[in-house]
Amino acid sequence: MLVKDYMTRHPLMAEPTMSIVEAQRYMGENHIRHLPVVGDGKRLLGLVTRQTLLVDPARLGSLDIWDITRYLSGLRVTDVMVKAEHVVSITPDTTVEEAARIMVEHKVGCLPVLDDGAVVGIITEMDLLRLLMEMMATREHGVRVTIRMPNVRGELARLVSAIAAQGWGIPACGGLVNPRNPQQWDAVVKIHDATREEVVAALSRVEGQQIIDVREV
């Protein structure tokens, strides 16, 4: 899965001369939290977020209401944006898991997607959460079961074989190493065409594996 397939294409963008008042209104009306600032050819100049639009109260402490109004109306996005050289960005062919790693490591909520320096899209933390939701088939009814197994080769194949032997479908499957015990691996599987009781009965017979959680969703 690549970023180009899950990013927001042709995102809303701003010119550097846009006032911060207009930028706040623009972002609020369109329910967005990140606004790339671009120049000619959609070249990335910077990034405006809701946080960067917050004006430091210390800068306003000595001003009266009229001076504050004039001060705010005179600010442009170029005055408050994160400059391009400090914006973390990716390319369309970046994998979605690499995009997630970059966002976590840099503690950012979005990544502009650049092709030869031009903004072609943006991917946000909400896009990645939406992708996780789709990967786990959240909208489909089924039995969701978490199985703990030894972290060795072949264990997942044994689980899948046990499910296939019952003729059940698997719309979603994922897993990770148990954070409390790296010798164990937890698999989360969603199963079609079975009841909770049937799933428990069948998977309880897989030797060496333990059902941690099971529910109909």
N, C-alpha and C. Protein backbone atom coordinates (compact mmCIF):
# COMPACT_ATOMS: atom_id res chain seq x y z
N MET A 1 0.84 -1.19 0.00
CA MET A 1 0.00 0.00 0.00
C MET A 1 0.88 1.24 0.00
N LEU A 2 0.64 2.10 -0.96
CA LEU A 2 1.46 3.29 -1.13
C LEU A 2 0.66 4.54 -0.81
N VAL A 3 1.38 5.58 -0.39
CA VAL A 3 0.75 6.84 0.00
C VAL A 3 -0.13 7.40 -1.12
N LYS A 4 0.30 7.27 -2.37
CA LYS A 4 -0.44 7.86 -3.49
C LYS A 4 -1.85 7.31 -3.62
N ASP A 5 -2.10 6.13 -3.06
CA ASP A 5 -3.42 5.53 -3.15
C ASP A 5 -4.34 5.94 -2.00
N TYR A 6 -3.80 6.55 -0.96
CA TYR A 6 -4.60 6.86 0.23
C TYR A 6 -4.51 8.33 0.65
N MET A 7 -3.67 9.10 0.01
CA MET A 7 -3.54 10.52 0.35
C MET A 7 -4.75 11.30 -0.18
N THR A 8 -4.92 12.51 0.33
CA THR A 8 -5.88 13.44 -0.24
C THR A 8 -5.22 14.12 -1.42
N ARG A 9 -5.76 13.88 -2.61
CA ARG A 9 -5.19 14.48 -3.81
C ARG A 9 -5.68 15.92 -3.96
N HIS A 10 -4.85 16.75 -4.56
CA HIS A 10 -5.18 18.14 -4.81
C HIS A 10 -5.75 18.80 -3.55
N PRO A 11 -4.98 18.79 -2.44
CA PRO A 11 -5.49 19.36 -1.19
C PRO A 11 -5.67 20.87 -1.30
N LEU A 12 -6.47 21.42 -0.40
CA LEU A 12 -6.63 22.86 -0.33
C LEU A 12 -5.28 23.47 0.05
N MET A 13 -4.94 24.56 -0.59
CA MET A 13 -3.64 25.19 -0.36
C MET A 13 -3.82 26.71 -0.22
N ALA A 14 -2.78 27.37 0.24
CA ALA A 14 -2.83 28.82 0.43
C ALA A 14 -1.63 29.47 -0.23
N GLU A 15 -1.83 30.72 -0.63
CA GLU A 15 -0.71 31.53 -1.10
C GLU A 15 -0.08 32.23 0.10
N PRO A 16 1.18 32.58 0.03
CA PRO A 16 1.85 33.18 1.20
C PRO A 16 1.26 34.52 1.62
N THR A 17 0.54 35.19 0.73
CA THR A 17 -0.03 36.50 1.06
C THR A 17 -1.39 36.40 1.75
N MET A 18 -1.94 35.21 1.89
CA MET A 18 -3.23 35.06 2.56
C MET A 18 -3.09 35.51 4.02
N SER A 19 -4.06 36.28 4.52
CA SER A 19 -4.01 36.72 5.91
C SER A 19 -4.31 35.55 6.83
N ILE A 20 -3.82 35.63 8.07
CA ILE A 20 -4.08 34.53 8.99
C ILE A 20 -5.56 34.49 9.37
N VAL A 21 -6.23 35.63 9.34
CA VAL A 21 -7.66 35.64 9.62
C VAL A 21 -8.40 34.87 8.54
N GLU A 22 -8.03 35.10 7.29
CA GLU A 22 -8.65 34.38 6.18
C GLU A 22 -8.29 32.90 6.24
N ALA A 23 -7.05 32.59 6.60
CA ALA A 23 -6.62 31.20 6.69
C ALA A 23 -7.42 30.45 7.76
N GLN A 24 -7.64 31.09 8.91
CA GLN A 24 -8.43 30.46 9.97
C GLN A 24 -9.85 30.18 9.50
N ARG A 25 -10.43 31.14 8.82
CA ARG A 25 -11.79 30.97 8.31
C ARG A 25 -11.84 29.86 7.25
N TYR A 26 -10.86 29.88 6.37
CA TYR A 26 -10.77 28.90 5.28
C TYR A 26 -10.65 27.48 5.84
N MET A 27 -9.80 27.32 6.85
CA MET A 27 -9.61 26.00 7.44
C MET A 27 -10.83 25.56 8.22
N GLY A 28 -11.46 26.51 8.93
CA GLY A 28 -12.66 26.17 9.69
C GLY A 28 -13.82 25.78 8.80
N GLU A 29 -14.02 26.51 7.72
CA GLU A 29 -15.13 26.22 6.82
C GLU A 29 -14.96 24.89 6.11
N ASN A 30 -13.72 24.49 5.88
CA ASN A 30 -13.46 23.24 5.16
C ASN A 30 -13.06 22.09 6.09
N HIS A 31 -13.10 22.35 7.39
CA HIS A 31 -12.84 21.30 8.40
C HIS A 31 -11.48 20.62 8.18
N ILE A 32 -10.46 21.45 7.98
CA ILE A 32 -9.10 20.92 7.84
C ILE A 32 -8.20 21.53 8.90
N ARG A 33 -7.13 20.84 9.21
CA ARG A 33 -6.21 21.30 10.26
C ARG A 33 -4.83 21.62 9.72
N HIS A 34 -4.61 21.35 8.43
CA HIS A 34 -3.28 21.57 7.84
C HIS A 34 -3.47 22.21 6.47
N LEU A 35 -2.66 23.24 6.21
CA LEU A 35 -2.81 23.99 4.98
C LEU A 35 -1.43 24.25 4.36
N PRO A 36 -1.07 23.52 3.31
CA PRO A 36 0.20 23.79 2.64
C PRO A 36 0.20 25.18 2.01
N VAL A 37 1.32 25.86 2.12
CA VAL A 37 1.49 27.17 1.51
C VAL A 37 2.39 26.98 0.29
N VAL A 38 1.91 27.42 -0.86
CA VAL A 38 2.63 27.13 -2.10
C VAL A 38 2.89 28.41 -2.90
N GLY A 39 3.89 28.30 -3.78
CA GLY A 39 4.19 29.37 -4.71
C GLY A 39 3.91 28.93 -6.13
N ASP A 40 4.63 29.47 -7.08
CA ASP A 40 4.43 29.10 -8.48
C ASP A 40 4.66 27.61 -8.68
N GLY A 41 3.79 27.00 -9.52
CA GLY A 41 3.92 25.58 -9.80
C GLY A 41 3.63 24.70 -8.61
N LYS A 42 2.90 25.25 -7.64
CA LYS A 42 2.55 24.52 -6.42
C LYS A 42 3.78 24.05 -5.65
N ARG A 43 4.85 24.81 -5.77
CA ARG A 43 6.07 24.49 -5.01
C ARG A 43 5.83 24.78 -3.54
N LEU A 44 6.20 23.85 -2.68
CA LEU A 44 5.95 24.00 -1.25
C LEU A 44 6.82 25.10 -0.66
N LEU A 45 6.17 26.07 -0.02
CA LEU A 45 6.88 27.15 0.68
C LEU A 45 6.82 26.98 2.19
N GLY A 46 5.76 26.32 2.66
CA GLY A 46 5.59 26.15 4.09
C GLY A 46 4.31 25.42 4.41
N LEU A 47 4.00 25.36 5.69
CA LEU A 47 2.81 24.65 6.15
C LEU A 47 2.20 25.42 7.32
N VAL A 48 0.90 25.64 7.22
CA VAL A 48 0.16 26.28 8.30
C VAL A 48 -0.70 25.22 8.97
N THR A 49 -0.68 25.21 10.30
CA THR A 49 -1.54 24.34 11.08
C THR A 49 -2.34 25.21 12.05
N ARG A 50 -3.32 24.60 12.69
CA ARG A 50 -4.08 25.36 13.68
C ARG A 50 -3.18 25.88 14.79
N GLN A 51 -2.15 25.11 15.11
CA GLN A 51 -1.25 25.53 16.18
C GLN A 51 -0.41 26.73 15.76
N THR A 52 0.05 26.75 14.51
CA THR A 52 0.88 27.89 14.07
C THR A 52 0.06 29.16 13.97
N LEU A 53 -1.25 29.04 13.87
CA LEU A 53 -2.10 30.23 13.78
C LEU A 53 -2.36 30.87 15.14
N LEU A 54 -1.95 30.18 16.21
CA LEU A 54 -2.11 30.75 17.54
C LEU A 54 -1.06 31.82 17.77
N VAL A 55 -1.52 33.01 18.10
CA VAL A 55 -0.60 34.13 18.33
C VAL A 55 -0.16 34.15 19.79
N ASP A 56 1.12 34.32 20.01
CA ASP A 56 1.67 34.36 21.37
C ASP A 56 1.06 35.55 22.12
N PRO A 57 0.35 35.31 23.23
CA PRO A 57 -0.26 36.41 23.99
C PRO A 57 0.76 37.45 24.45
N ALA A 58 2.01 37.03 24.65
CA ALA A 58 3.04 37.97 25.12
C ALA A 58 3.28 39.08 24.10
N ARG A 59 3.03 38.79 22.82
CA ARG A 59 3.23 39.78 21.78
C ARG A 59 2.11 40.81 21.75
N LEU A 60 1.00 40.51 22.45
CA LEU A 60 -0.15 41.41 22.43
C LEU A 60 -0.36 42.15 23.74
N GLY A 61 0.44 41.80 24.75
CA GLY A 61 0.20 42.32 26.09
C GLY A 61 0.22 43.83 26.21
N SER A 62 1.05 44.50 25.44
CA SER A 62 1.18 45.96 25.56
C SER A 62 0.31 46.72 24.57
N LEU A 63 -0.54 46.01 23.81
CA LEU A 63 -1.35 46.65 22.77
C LEU A 63 -2.78 46.83 23.24
N ASP A 64 -3.41 47.90 22.77
CA ASP A 64 -4.84 48.06 23.05
C ASP A 64 -5.63 47.32 21.97
N ILE A 65 -6.96 47.33 22.12
CA ILE A 65 -7.80 46.52 21.25
C ILE A 65 -7.65 46.91 19.79
N TRP A 66 -7.46 48.21 19.51
CA TRP A 66 -7.33 48.66 18.13
C TRP A 66 -5.99 48.24 17.54
N ASP A 67 -4.95 48.34 18.37
CA ASP A 67 -3.63 47.91 17.90
C ASP A 67 -3.61 46.41 17.64
N ILE A 68 -4.29 45.66 18.50
CA ILE A 68 -4.35 44.21 18.33
C ILE A 68 -5.04 43.87 17.01
N THR A 69 -6.16 44.57 16.75
CA THR A 69 -6.90 44.33 15.50
C THR A 69 -6.02 44.60 14.29
N ARG A 70 -5.31 45.73 14.32
CA ARG A 70 -4.43 46.08 13.21
C ARG A 70 -3.29 45.08 13.08
N TYR A 71 -2.76 44.66 14.23
CA TYR A 71 -1.64 43.70 14.21
C TYR A 71 -2.07 42.39 13.58
N LEU A 72 -3.22 41.85 14.02
CA LEU A 72 -3.68 40.56 13.51
C LEU A 72 -4.05 40.65 12.03
N SER A 73 -4.71 41.74 11.64
CA SER A 73 -5.13 41.87 10.25
C SER A 73 -3.94 42.01 9.31
N GLY A 74 -2.80 42.42 9.85
CA GLY A 74 -1.61 42.58 9.02
C GLY A 74 -0.78 41.33 8.88
N LEU A 75 -1.04 40.31 9.70
CA LEU A 75 -0.26 39.08 9.64
C LEU A 75 -0.68 38.23 8.44
N ARG A 76 0.31 37.70 7.74
CA ARG A 76 0.07 36.80 6.61
C ARG A 76 0.56 35.40 6.97
N VAL A 77 0.10 34.41 6.21
CA VAL A 77 0.50 33.04 6.54
C VAL A 77 2.01 32.88 6.45
N THR A 78 2.65 33.66 5.59
CA THR A 78 4.11 33.57 5.49
C THR A 78 4.79 33.97 6.79
N ASP A 79 4.08 34.76 7.64
CA ASP A 79 4.66 35.20 8.91
C ASP A 79 4.60 34.12 9.99
N VAL A 80 3.69 33.18 9.85
CA VAL A 80 3.48 32.20 10.92
C VAL A 80 3.72 30.75 10.47
N MET A 81 3.85 30.52 9.18
CA MET A 81 3.96 29.15 8.68
C MET A 81 5.28 28.51 9.08
N VAL A 82 5.28 27.18 9.10
CA VAL A 82 6.53 26.42 9.22
C VAL A 82 7.20 26.47 7.85
N LYS A 83 8.40 26.97 7.79
CA LYS A 83 9.09 27.11 6.51
C LYS A 83 9.34 25.74 5.87
N ALA A 84 9.38 25.73 4.55
CA ALA A 84 9.50 24.48 3.79
C ALA A 84 10.68 23.63 4.24
N GLU A 85 11.80 24.28 4.57
CA GLU A 85 12.99 23.51 4.95
C GLU A 85 12.80 22.77 6.27
N HIS A 86 11.78 23.15 7.03
CA HIS A 86 11.51 22.48 8.30
C HIS A 86 10.27 21.59 8.25
N VAL A 87 9.63 21.52 7.08
CA VAL A 87 8.44 20.68 6.92
C VAL A 87 8.87 19.27 6.52
N VAL A 88 8.38 18.28 7.23
CA VAL A 88 8.66 16.89 6.89
C VAL A 88 7.69 16.48 5.80
N SER A 89 8.22 15.98 4.70
CA SER A 89 7.38 15.60 3.57
C SER A 89 7.79 14.22 3.05
N ILE A 90 6.96 13.68 2.16
CA ILE A 90 7.23 12.37 1.58
C ILE A 90 6.88 12.42 0.09
N THR A 91 7.14 11.31 -0.59
CA THR A 91 6.81 11.20 -2.02
C THR A 91 5.60 10.27 -2.18
N PRO A 92 4.96 10.29 -3.34
CA PRO A 92 3.77 9.45 -3.55
C PRO A 92 4.06 7.96 -3.43
N ASP A 93 5.29 7.53 -3.69
CA ASP A 93 5.61 6.10 -3.66
C ASP A 93 6.08 5.61 -2.30
N THR A 94 5.99 6.46 -1.29
CA THR A 94 6.29 6.02 0.08
C THR A 94 5.22 5.04 0.54
N THR A 95 5.61 4.00 1.26
CA THR A 95 4.61 3.06 1.79
C THR A 95 3.86 3.71 2.95
N VAL A 96 2.64 3.27 3.18
CA VAL A 96 1.84 3.89 4.24
C VAL A 96 2.44 3.60 5.61
N GLU A 97 3.07 2.44 5.79
CA GLU A 97 3.67 2.16 7.09
C GLU A 97 4.89 3.03 7.34
N GLU A 98 5.63 3.36 6.27
CA GLU A 98 6.76 4.28 6.41
C GLU A 98 6.26 5.68 6.74
N ALA A 99 5.15 6.08 6.11
CA ALA A 99 4.56 7.38 6.42
C ALA A 99 4.15 7.44 7.89
N ALA A 100 3.55 6.36 8.39
CA ALA A 100 3.15 6.32 9.80
C ALA A 100 4.38 6.42 10.71
N ARG A 101 5.45 5.71 10.35
CA ARG A 101 6.67 5.76 11.17
C ARG A 101 7.23 7.18 11.21
N ILE A 102 7.26 7.84 10.07
CA ILE A 102 7.80 9.20 10.00
C ILE A 102 6.97 10.14 10.86
N MET A 103 5.64 10.02 10.78
CA MET A 103 4.77 10.90 11.55
C MET A 103 4.97 10.68 13.04
N VAL A 104 5.10 9.43 13.46
CA VAL A 104 5.31 9.13 14.88
C VAL A 104 6.67 9.65 15.35
N GLU A 105 7.71 9.39 14.58
CA GLU A 105 9.06 9.79 15.01
C GLU A 105 9.22 11.31 15.04
N HIS A 106 8.57 12.00 14.12
CA HIS A 106 8.70 13.46 14.07
C HIS A 106 7.58 14.16 14.83
N LYS A 107 6.62 13.38 15.33
CA LYS A 107 5.50 13.91 16.11
C LYS A 107 4.75 15.00 15.34
N VAL A 108 4.38 14.65 14.10
CA VAL A 108 3.61 15.56 13.26
C VAL A 108 2.29 14.92 12.89
N GLY A 109 1.30 15.76 12.58
CA GLY A 109 -0.03 15.25 12.28
C GLY A 109 -0.33 15.11 10.81
N CYS A 110 0.62 15.52 9.95
CA CYS A 110 0.40 15.38 8.51
C CYS A 110 1.74 15.36 7.80
N LEU A 111 1.70 14.91 6.55
CA LEU A 111 2.87 14.91 5.69
C LEU A 111 2.45 15.40 4.31
N PRO A 112 2.92 16.56 3.88
CA PRO A 112 2.68 16.94 2.48
C PRO A 112 3.35 15.92 1.56
N VAL A 113 2.70 15.63 0.46
CA VAL A 113 3.24 14.67 -0.50
C VAL A 113 3.75 15.47 -1.70
N LEU A 114 5.04 15.34 -1.98
CA LEU A 114 5.68 16.15 -3.02
C LEU A 114 6.15 15.28 -4.17
N ASP A 115 5.96 15.79 -5.37
CA ASP A 115 6.50 15.17 -6.58
C ASP A 115 7.34 16.22 -7.27
N ASP A 116 8.66 16.04 -7.24
CA ASP A 116 9.60 17.01 -7.81
C ASP A 116 9.39 18.40 -7.21
N GLY A 117 9.13 18.44 -5.91
CA GLY A 117 9.00 19.70 -5.19
C GLY A 117 7.62 20.31 -5.19
N ALA A 118 6.71 19.78 -6.01
CA ALA A 118 5.35 20.31 -6.08
C ALA A 118 4.40 19.49 -5.20
N VAL A 119 3.46 20.17 -4.57
CA VAL A 119 2.50 19.49 -3.71
C VAL A 119 1.45 18.77 -4.57
N VAL A 120 1.37 17.47 -4.44
CA VAL A 120 0.38 16.68 -5.19
C VAL A 120 -0.64 16.05 -4.25
N GLY A 121 -0.40 16.15 -2.95
CA GLY A 121 -1.34 15.57 -2.00
C GLY A 121 -0.89 15.82 -0.58
N ILE A 122 -1.67 15.29 0.35
CA ILE A 122 -1.32 15.36 1.77
C ILE A 122 -1.91 14.13 2.44
N ILE A 123 -1.19 13.57 3.38
CA ILE A 123 -1.72 12.45 4.15
C ILE A 123 -1.64 12.83 5.63
N THR A 124 -2.70 12.57 6.36
CA THR A 124 -2.80 12.99 7.75
C THR A 124 -2.98 11.78 8.67
N GLU A 125 -2.90 12.05 9.97
CA GLU A 125 -3.12 10.99 10.94
C GLU A 125 -4.53 10.40 10.81
N MET A 126 -5.50 11.24 10.41
CA MET A 126 -6.86 10.74 10.22
C MET A 126 -6.94 9.79 9.02
N ASP A 127 -6.16 10.07 7.97
CA ASP A 127 -6.12 9.17 6.82
C ASP A 127 -5.59 7.80 7.24
N LEU A 128 -4.56 7.79 8.08
CA LEU A 128 -3.98 6.52 8.52
C LEU A 128 -4.92 5.77 9.46
N LEU A 129 -5.65 6.49 10.30
CA LEU A 129 -6.64 5.84 11.15
C LEU A 129 -7.78 5.25 10.32
N ARG A 130 -8.17 5.99 9.27
CA ARG A 130 -9.22 5.49 8.37
C ARG A 130 -8.74 4.22 7.66
N LEU A 131 -7.47 4.20 7.27
CA LEU A 131 -6.90 3.03 6.62
C LEU A 131 -6.87 1.84 7.57
N LEU A 132 -6.49 2.07 8.82
CA LEU A 132 -6.50 1.00 9.81
C LEU A 132 -7.91 0.44 9.98
N MET A 133 -8.89 1.32 10.01
CA MET A 133 -10.28 0.90 10.15
C MET A 133 -10.68 0.01 8.99
N GLU A 134 -10.28 0.40 7.77
CA GLU A 134 -10.63 -0.39 6.59
C GLU A 134 -9.87 -1.71 6.57
N MET A 135 -8.60 -1.68 6.98
CA MET A 135 -7.80 -2.91 7.00
C MET A 135 -8.39 -3.95 7.95
N MET A 136 -9.01 -3.48 9.03
CA MET A 136 -9.61 -4.42 9.99
C MET A 136 -11.11 -4.65 9.70
N ALA A 137 -11.56 -4.23 8.52
CA ALA A 137 -12.94 -4.49 8.08
C ALA A 137 -13.96 -4.09 9.14
N THR A 138 -13.77 -2.89 9.68
CA THR A 138 -14.61 -2.44 10.78
C THR A 138 -16.08 -2.38 10.41
N ARG A 139 -16.39 -2.08 9.17
CA ARG A 139 -17.78 -1.92 8.76
C ARG A 139 -18.48 -3.25 8.48
N GLU A 140 -17.73 -4.34 8.48
CA GLU A 140 -18.31 -5.65 8.18
C GLU A 140 -18.60 -6.42 9.46
N HIS A 141 -19.75 -7.09 9.46
CA HIS A 141 -20.10 -7.90 10.62
C HIS A 141 -19.31 -9.20 10.62
N GLY A 142 -18.91 -9.63 11.80
CA GLY A 142 -18.19 -10.89 11.91
C GLY A 142 -17.76 -11.13 13.34
N VAL A 143 -16.93 -12.14 13.51
CA VAL A 143 -16.37 -12.46 14.83
C VAL A 143 -14.91 -12.01 14.83
N ARG A 144 -14.57 -11.16 15.79
CA ARG A 144 -13.20 -10.67 15.93
C ARG A 144 -12.54 -11.44 17.06
N VAL A 145 -11.43 -12.10 16.75
CA VAL A 145 -10.78 -12.92 17.76
C VAL A 145 -9.30 -12.58 17.82
N THR A 146 -8.77 -12.50 19.04
CA THR A 146 -7.34 -12.29 19.25
C THR A 146 -6.73 -13.58 19.79
N ILE A 147 -5.72 -14.05 19.09
CA ILE A 147 -5.06 -15.32 19.44
C ILE A 147 -3.61 -15.03 19.81
N ARG A 148 -3.17 -15.54 20.95
CA ARG A 148 -1.77 -15.41 21.36
C ARG A 148 -1.06 -16.73 21.04
N MET A 149 0.08 -16.61 20.37
CA MET A 149 0.80 -17.80 19.92
C MET A 149 2.30 -17.60 20.09
N PRO A 150 3.08 -18.67 20.05
CA PRO A 150 4.54 -18.51 20.10
C PRO A 150 5.03 -17.72 18.90
N ASN A 151 6.01 -16.87 19.10
CA ASN A 151 6.54 -16.03 18.04
C ASN A 151 7.58 -16.83 17.25
N VAL A 152 7.08 -17.84 16.54
CA VAL A 152 7.94 -18.69 15.71
C VAL A 152 7.27 -18.90 14.36
N ARG A 153 8.05 -19.31 13.39
CA ARG A 153 7.53 -19.52 12.05
C ARG A 153 6.46 -20.62 12.05
N GLY A 154 5.45 -20.42 11.24
CA GLY A 154 4.45 -21.45 11.03
C GLY A 154 3.22 -21.36 11.91
N GLU A 155 3.28 -20.55 12.98
CA GLU A 155 2.15 -20.49 13.90
C GLU A 155 0.93 -19.82 13.26
N LEU A 156 1.15 -18.74 12.53
CA LEU A 156 0.02 -18.07 11.87
C LEU A 156 -0.60 -18.98 10.82
N ALA A 157 0.24 -19.73 10.11
CA ALA A 157 -0.27 -20.67 9.11
C ALA A 157 -1.17 -21.72 9.75
N ARG A 158 -0.80 -22.16 10.94
CA ARG A 158 -1.63 -23.14 11.65
C ARG A 158 -2.99 -22.55 11.98
N LEU A 159 -3.00 -21.29 12.42
CA LEU A 159 -4.26 -20.63 12.75
C LEU A 159 -5.14 -20.47 11.51
N VAL A 160 -4.53 -19.99 10.43
CA VAL A 160 -5.30 -19.79 9.20
C VAL A 160 -5.83 -21.12 8.67
N SER A 161 -5.04 -22.16 8.79
CA SER A 161 -5.48 -23.49 8.34
C SER A 161 -6.68 -23.98 9.14
N ALA A 162 -6.67 -23.71 10.44
CA ALA A 162 -7.80 -24.12 11.28
C ALA A 162 -9.08 -23.38 10.89
N ILE A 163 -8.93 -22.12 10.52
CA ILE A 163 -10.10 -21.34 10.09
C ILE A 163 -10.58 -21.82 8.72
N ALA A 164 -9.63 -22.06 7.81
CA ALA A 164 -9.99 -22.51 6.46
C ALA A 164 -10.65 -23.88 6.49
N ALA A 165 -10.23 -24.72 7.42
CA ALA A 165 -10.82 -26.06 7.51
C ALA A 165 -12.30 -26.01 7.84
N GLN A 166 -12.75 -24.91 8.44
CA GLN A 166 -14.16 -24.75 8.77
C GLN A 166 -14.94 -24.11 7.62
N GLY A 167 -14.22 -23.68 6.57
CA GLY A 167 -14.89 -23.03 5.45
C GLY A 167 -15.26 -21.58 5.72
N TRP A 168 -14.64 -20.95 6.69
CA TRP A 168 -14.95 -19.58 7.04
C TRP A 168 -14.08 -18.61 6.23
N GLY A 169 -14.59 -17.40 6.03
CA GLY A 169 -13.83 -16.36 5.35
C GLY A 169 -13.08 -15.49 6.34
N ILE A 170 -11.98 -14.88 5.87
CA ILE A 170 -11.17 -13.99 6.69
C ILE A 170 -11.10 -12.64 5.99
N PRO A 171 -11.97 -11.68 6.34
CA PRO A 171 -11.91 -10.37 5.70
C PRO A 171 -10.78 -9.48 6.22
N ALA A 172 -10.23 -9.81 7.39
CA ALA A 172 -9.16 -8.98 7.94
C ALA A 172 -8.27 -9.80 8.86
N CYS A 173 -6.98 -9.50 8.83
CA CYS A 173 -6.03 -10.19 9.69
C CYS A 173 -4.84 -9.28 9.94
N GLY A 174 -4.39 -9.21 11.18
CA GLY A 174 -3.22 -8.42 11.52
C GLY A 174 -2.60 -8.97 12.79
N GLY A 175 -1.47 -8.42 13.15
CA GLY A 175 -0.84 -8.92 14.36
C GLY A 175 0.42 -8.15 14.71
N LEU A 176 0.94 -8.41 15.90
CA LEU A 176 2.16 -7.78 16.37
C LEU A 176 2.74 -8.57 17.53
N VAL A 177 4.02 -8.33 17.78
CA VAL A 177 4.69 -8.97 18.90
C VAL A 177 4.08 -8.46 20.20
N ASN A 178 3.85 -9.37 21.14
CA ASN A 178 3.33 -9.00 22.45
C ASN A 178 4.33 -8.06 23.13
N PRO A 179 3.93 -6.81 23.45
CA PRO A 179 4.88 -5.85 24.02
C PRO A 179 5.44 -6.27 25.37
N ARG A 180 4.74 -7.18 26.06
CA ARG A 180 5.20 -7.62 27.38
C ARG A 180 6.05 -8.88 27.31
N ASN A 181 5.98 -9.54 26.14
CA ASN A 181 6.75 -10.78 26.00
C ASN A 181 7.08 -10.99 24.53
N PRO A 182 8.29 -10.63 24.08
CA PRO A 182 8.64 -10.74 22.66
C PRO A 182 8.67 -12.18 22.14
N GLN A 183 8.55 -13.14 23.03
CA GLN A 183 8.49 -14.54 22.59
C GLN A 183 7.09 -14.93 22.15
N GLN A 184 6.13 -14.01 22.29
CA GLN A 184 4.75 -14.29 21.90
C GLN A 184 4.30 -13.31 20.82
N TRP A 185 3.35 -13.77 20.02
CA TRP A 185 2.82 -12.96 18.93
C TRP A 185 1.30 -12.98 19.02
N ASP A 186 0.68 -11.82 18.93
CA ASP A 186 -0.78 -11.72 19.02
C ASP A 186 -1.36 -11.44 17.63
N ALA A 187 -2.21 -12.33 17.19
CA ALA A 187 -2.88 -12.17 15.90
C ALA A 187 -4.33 -11.77 16.13
N VAL A 188 -4.80 -10.80 15.35
CA VAL A 188 -6.20 -10.39 15.39
C VAL A 188 -6.82 -10.77 14.05
N VAL A 189 -7.85 -11.58 14.10
CA VAL A 189 -8.48 -12.09 12.90
C VAL A 189 -9.98 -11.81 12.95
N LYS A 190 -10.53 -11.37 11.83
CA LYS A 190 -11.98 -11.21 11.73
C LYS A 190 -12.49 -12.33 10.83
N ILE A 191 -13.55 -12.98 11.26
CA ILE A 191 -14.04 -14.18 10.59
C ILE A 191 -15.48 -14.00 10.15
N HIS A 192 -15.75 -14.40 8.92
CA HIS A 192 -17.11 -14.39 8.38
C HIS A 192 -17.76 -15.77 8.55
N ASP A 193 -19.09 -15.76 8.53
CA ASP A 193 -19.88 -17.00 8.41
C ASP A 193 -19.72 -17.93 9.60
N ALA A 194 -19.51 -17.37 10.78
CA ALA A 194 -19.38 -18.20 11.98
C ALA A 194 -19.94 -17.44 13.17
N THR A 195 -20.36 -18.20 14.19
CA THR A 195 -20.80 -17.60 15.43
C THR A 195 -19.63 -17.55 16.40
N ARG A 196 -19.79 -16.79 17.44
CA ARG A 196 -18.76 -16.70 18.46
C ARG A 196 -18.47 -18.07 19.05
N GLU A 197 -19.52 -18.82 19.33
CA GLU A 197 -19.36 -20.14 19.94
C GLU A 197 -18.61 -21.09 19.00
N GLU A 198 -18.92 -21.03 17.71
CA GLU A 198 -18.23 -21.89 16.74
C GLU A 198 -16.76 -21.54 16.64
N VAL A 199 -16.44 -20.27 16.66
CA VAL A 199 -15.05 -19.84 16.58
C VAL A 199 -14.27 -20.31 17.80
N VAL A 200 -14.85 -20.13 18.98
CA VAL A 200 -14.18 -20.56 20.20
C VAL A 200 -13.94 -22.06 20.17
N ALA A 201 -14.94 -22.82 19.76
CA ALA A 201 -14.81 -24.28 19.74
C ALA A 201 -13.71 -24.73 18.78
N ALA A 202 -13.64 -24.12 17.60
CA ALA A 202 -12.66 -24.54 16.60
C ALA A 202 -11.25 -24.10 16.96
N LEU A 203 -11.08 -22.88 17.38
CA LEU A 203 -9.73 -22.36 17.61
C LEU A 203 -9.16 -22.78 18.95
N SER A 204 -10.00 -23.20 19.86
CA SER A 204 -9.49 -23.72 21.14
C SER A 204 -8.74 -25.03 20.93
N ARG A 205 -8.97 -25.66 19.80
CA ARG A 205 -8.30 -26.94 19.53
C ARG A 205 -6.93 -26.77 18.89
N VAL A 206 -6.53 -25.54 18.58
CA VAL A 206 -5.20 -25.32 17.99
C VAL A 206 -4.17 -25.36 19.12
N GLU A 207 -3.38 -26.40 19.14
CA GLU A 207 -2.45 -26.63 20.25
C GLU A 207 -1.41 -25.51 20.34
N GLY A 208 -1.18 -25.04 21.57
CA GLY A 208 -0.14 -24.04 21.81
C GLY A 208 -0.58 -22.61 21.58
N GLN A 209 -1.84 -22.42 21.17
CA GLN A 209 -2.35 -21.08 20.95
C GLN A 209 -3.51 -20.81 21.90
N GLN A 210 -3.64 -19.54 22.31
CA GLN A 210 -4.62 -19.18 23.34
C GLN A 210 -5.51 -18.03 22.85
N ILE A 211 -6.81 -18.21 23.03
CA ILE A 211 -7.75 -17.15 22.70
C ILE A 211 -7.71 -16.11 23.82
N ILE A 212 -7.35 -14.88 23.47
CA ILE A 212 -7.26 -13.79 24.43
C ILE A 212 -8.54 -12.99 24.50
N ASP A 213 -9.17 -12.83 23.34
CA ASP A 213 -10.39 -12.04 23.27
C ASP A 213 -11.21 -12.51 22.08
N VAL A 214 -12.51 -12.57 22.24
CA VAL A 214 -13.39 -12.92 21.12
C VAL A 214 -14.71 -12.20 21.31
N ARG A 215 -15.21 -11.62 20.21
CA ARG A 215 -16.48 -10.88 20.28
C ARG A 215 -17.10 -10.78 18.90
N GLU A 216 -18.40 -10.72 18.88
CA GLU A 216 -19.11 -10.46 17.62
C GLU A 216 -19.22 -8.96 17.44
N VAL A 217 -18.81 -8.49 16.27
CA VAL A 217 -18.81 -7.04 16.00
C VAL A 217 -19.49 -6.76 14.66
